[in-house]
Amino acid sequence: MVTHVSLEAHDDERGALLAFLAEQRGGIRRTLLGLTEEQAASRPSASELSLSGLLKHVAEVEQGWVARAKGEPPAVARDESNWHECFALVDGESVESQLAYWEKVAADTESFIRSVPSLDDTFPLPPAPWFPPEGRVSMRWLALHLIRETARHAGHADIIRESLDGKTAFELVAQEQGASWE
């Protein structure tokens, strides 16, 4: 399971940002509850997205952004020729292995965000039309971007899961907590 940051009120901005990120990770993680590998890899909607593919993508993207902020290369290099490979499990990858990987990525993200001297510190971005024109962003921007990216895909995951078996996010929260949903 992906590490949870307490969602209780936080006395600091970093804790609040990390709590919101953890909440969105939980939304994606819950969509995989009780599914087989085949169900998680299926594409029941008009989209080409699957739950296992989204899981791999969000873990890879989060790791890549934190690596960029640290001035390091991402663990997996993606370009125009192979970007689509982050949306499907391959070579013995499983939902379980991707959840374990994401847990490590989440712990690294939390450690990094808590360790930077200031959320106002910046790091460079490569030139691209979808990045801010200044070419640099703050650690605060990084945290907010990870929340936005994860939340967007949590919404995709909700639709995919509901298309698979009709379960909604509220039902999955209840299932995770061992409560009944009526």
Protein backbone atom coordinates (compact mmCIF):
# COMPACT_ATOMS: atom_id res chain seq x y z
CA MET A 1 0.00 0.00 0.00
CA VAL A 2 1.11 3.52 -0.73
CA THR A 3 2.37 5.34 2.34
CA HIS A 4 -0.27 7.62 3.83
CA VAL A 5 0.40 11.06 5.19
CA SER A 6 -2.11 11.96 7.88
CA LEU A 7 -4.96 14.02 6.46
CA GLU A 8 -5.46 15.84 9.74
CA ALA A 9 -4.80 19.55 9.94
CA HIS A 10 -1.13 20.41 9.52
CA ASP A 11 0.80 23.23 11.07
CA ASP A 12 2.97 23.68 8.02
CA GLU A 13 2.55 24.12 4.29
CA ARG A 14 4.73 21.13 3.41
CA GLY A 15 2.60 18.81 5.50
CA ALA A 16 -0.58 20.12 3.91
CA LEU A 17 0.78 19.70 0.39
CA LEU A 18 1.98 16.18 1.15
CA ALA A 19 -1.38 15.29 2.71
CA PHE A 20 -3.25 16.40 -0.40
CA LEU A 21 -0.87 14.40 -2.58
CA ALA A 22 -1.32 11.31 -0.38
CA GLU A 23 -5.08 11.69 -0.58
CA GLN A 24 -4.97 11.65 -4.39
CA ARG A 25 -2.61 8.66 -4.42
CA GLY A 26 -5.14 6.86 -2.24
CA GLY A 27 -7.85 7.54 -4.79
CA ILE A 28 -5.88 5.74 -7.48
CA ARG A 29 -4.77 2.94 -5.18
CA ARG A 30 -8.35 2.23 -4.08
CA THR A 31 -9.54 1.78 -7.66
CA LEU A 32 -7.42 -1.36 -7.78
CA LEU A 33 -8.99 -2.98 -4.70
CA GLY A 34 -10.16 -6.52 -5.33
CA LEU A 35 -9.27 -6.59 -9.02
CA THR A 36 -7.36 -9.28 -10.85
CA GLU A 37 -4.34 -8.38 -12.98
CA GLU A 38 -6.52 -8.89 -16.05
CA GLN A 39 -9.23 -6.54 -14.79
CA ALA A 40 -6.64 -3.93 -13.83
CA ALA A 41 -5.13 -4.13 -17.34
CA SER A 42 -8.47 -3.95 -19.14
CA ARG A 43 -9.73 -0.87 -20.95
CA PRO A 44 -13.50 -0.85 -20.43
CA SER A 45 -14.12 2.72 -21.59
CA ALA A 46 -13.54 4.62 -24.82
CA SER A 47 -10.09 5.55 -23.48
CA GLU A 48 -6.94 3.51 -24.03
CA LEU A 49 -6.17 3.88 -20.30
CA SER A 50 -6.19 0.98 -17.84
CA LEU A 51 -5.93 1.07 -14.06
CA SER A 52 -2.59 -0.77 -14.00
CA GLY A 53 -1.28 1.53 -16.72
CA LEU A 54 -2.34 4.61 -14.78
CA LEU A 55 -0.66 3.22 -11.67
CA LYS A 56 2.62 2.74 -13.53
CA HIS A 57 2.33 6.18 -15.15
CA VAL A 58 1.73 8.16 -11.95
CA ALA A 59 4.57 6.40 -10.13
CA GLU A 60 6.96 6.99 -13.02
CA VAL A 61 5.92 10.61 -13.46
CA GLU A 62 6.23 11.40 -9.74
CA GLN A 63 9.69 9.82 -9.60
CA GLY A 64 10.75 11.71 -12.72
CA TRP A 65 9.64 15.09 -11.39
CA VAL A 66 11.39 14.64 -8.06
CA ALA A 67 14.54 13.47 -9.86
CA ARG A 68 14.39 16.59 -12.07
CA ALA A 69 14.07 18.80 -8.97
CA LYS A 70 17.12 17.05 -7.48
CA GLY A 71 19.08 17.61 -10.70
CA GLU A 72 19.14 13.87 -11.46
CA PRO A 73 17.93 11.91 -14.48
CA PRO A 74 14.63 10.03 -14.10
CA ALA A 75 14.82 6.32 -13.31
CA VAL A 76 13.19 5.60 -16.67
CA ALA A 77 13.96 7.82 -19.64
CA ARG A 78 10.96 8.51 -21.86
CA ASP A 79 10.87 10.32 -25.16
CA GLU A 80 8.61 10.48 -28.20
CA SER A 81 9.53 6.92 -29.18
CA ASN A 82 8.61 5.19 -25.91
CA TRP A 83 6.38 7.50 -23.83
CA HIS A 84 3.39 5.19 -24.33
CA GLU A 85 5.22 2.34 -22.52
CA CYS A 86 4.57 4.02 -19.18
CA PHE A 87 0.85 3.20 -19.59
CA ALA A 88 1.13 -0.61 -19.61
CA LEU A 89 2.72 -3.22 -17.39
CA VAL A 90 5.42 -5.26 -19.14
CA ASP A 91 8.16 -7.80 -18.45
CA GLY A 92 6.80 -9.35 -15.27
CA GLU A 93 5.49 -6.10 -13.79
CA SER A 94 2.37 -6.50 -11.68
CA VAL A 95 -0.05 -4.29 -9.81
CA GLU A 96 1.60 -5.44 -6.58
CA SER A 97 5.11 -4.58 -7.80
CA GLN A 98 3.96 -1.18 -9.08
CA LEU A 99 2.22 -0.40 -5.77
CA ALA A 100 5.44 -1.30 -3.94
CA TYR A 101 7.46 0.89 -6.32
CA TRP A 102 5.03 3.78 -5.85
CA GLU A 103 5.31 3.43 -2.07
CA LYS A 104 9.08 3.94 -2.38
CA VAL A 105 8.59 6.87 -4.74
CA ALA A 106 6.07 8.42 -2.32
CA ALA A 107 8.50 8.06 0.58
CA ASP A 108 11.25 9.67 -1.51
CA THR A 109 8.94 12.52 -2.50
CA GLU A 110 7.98 13.18 1.11
CA SER A 111 11.59 13.05 2.26
CA PHE A 112 12.66 15.41 -0.51
CA ILE A 113 9.87 17.96 0.01
CA ARG A 114 10.55 17.98 3.76
CA SER A 115 14.31 18.37 3.24
CA VAL A 116 14.49 21.29 0.82
CA PRO A 117 15.53 24.48 2.59
CA SER A 118 12.60 26.45 1.17
CA LEU A 119 9.55 25.74 -0.97
CA ASP A 120 10.57 28.90 -2.81
CA ASP A 121 13.80 27.24 -4.02
CA THR A 122 13.72 26.64 -7.77
CA PHE A 123 14.97 24.16 -10.33
CA PRO A 124 15.28 24.41 -14.12
CA LEU A 125 12.94 22.92 -16.67
CA PRO A 126 13.83 22.00 -20.22
CA PRO A 127 12.35 24.34 -22.81
CA ALA A 128 8.90 23.15 -23.89
CA PRO A 129 5.69 24.97 -24.77
CA TRP A 130 3.79 23.30 -21.90
CA PHE A 131 6.25 24.49 -19.22
CA PRO A 132 6.24 27.97 -17.67
CA PRO A 133 8.11 30.42 -19.92
CA GLU A 134 10.53 31.43 -17.14
CA GLY A 135 12.14 27.99 -17.39
CA ARG A 136 12.33 27.56 -13.61
CA VAL A 137 9.75 26.48 -11.06
CA SER A 138 9.68 26.33 -7.28
CA MET A 139 9.48 23.31 -5.01
CA ARG A 140 5.98 24.54 -4.14
CA TRP A 141 5.10 24.39 -7.85
CA LEU A 142 6.49 20.83 -7.93
CA ALA A 143 4.26 19.72 -5.05
CA LEU A 144 1.21 21.40 -6.57
CA HIS A 145 1.97 19.91 -9.98
CA LEU A 146 2.22 16.41 -8.48
CA ILE A 147 -1.13 16.93 -6.75
CA ARG A 148 -2.69 18.14 -10.02
CA GLU A 149 -1.23 15.29 -12.07
CA THR A 150 -2.26 12.63 -9.56
CA ALA A 151 -5.75 14.09 -9.08
CA ARG A 152 -6.34 14.19 -12.82
CA HIS A 153 -5.47 10.53 -13.12
CA ALA A 154 -7.46 9.64 -9.99
CA GLY A 155 -10.50 10.95 -11.86
CA HIS A 156 -9.62 8.81 -14.87
CA ALA A 157 -9.21 5.82 -12.55
CA ASP A 158 -12.64 6.42 -10.98
CA ILE A 159 -14.29 6.29 -14.41
CA ILE A 160 -12.39 3.17 -15.44
CA ARG A 161 -13.25 1.35 -12.20
CA GLU A 162 -16.90 2.32 -12.41
CA SER A 163 -16.94 1.09 -16.02
CA LEU A 164 -15.47 -2.25 -14.88
CA ASP A 165 -17.89 -3.17 -12.11
CA GLY A 166 -19.96 -0.14 -11.15
CA LYS A 167 -18.02 0.58 -7.95
CA THR A 168 -17.70 4.27 -7.13
CA ALA A 169 -15.01 6.06 -5.15
CA PHE A 170 -17.27 6.17 -2.07
CA GLU A 171 -17.87 2.42 -2.22
CA LEU A 172 -14.13 1.80 -2.53
CA VAL A 173 -13.37 4.01 0.49
CA ALA A 174 -15.90 1.99 2.50
CA GLN A 175 -14.42 -1.28 1.17
CA GLU A 176 -10.90 -0.16 2.13
CA GLN A 177 -12.09 0.67 5.64
CA GLY A 178 -14.02 -2.59 5.98
CA ALA A 179 -17.37 -0.81 6.19
CA SER A 180 -20.49 -1.54 4.20
CA TRP A 181 -21.78 0.89 1.62
CA GLU A 182 -25.52 1.21 1.27
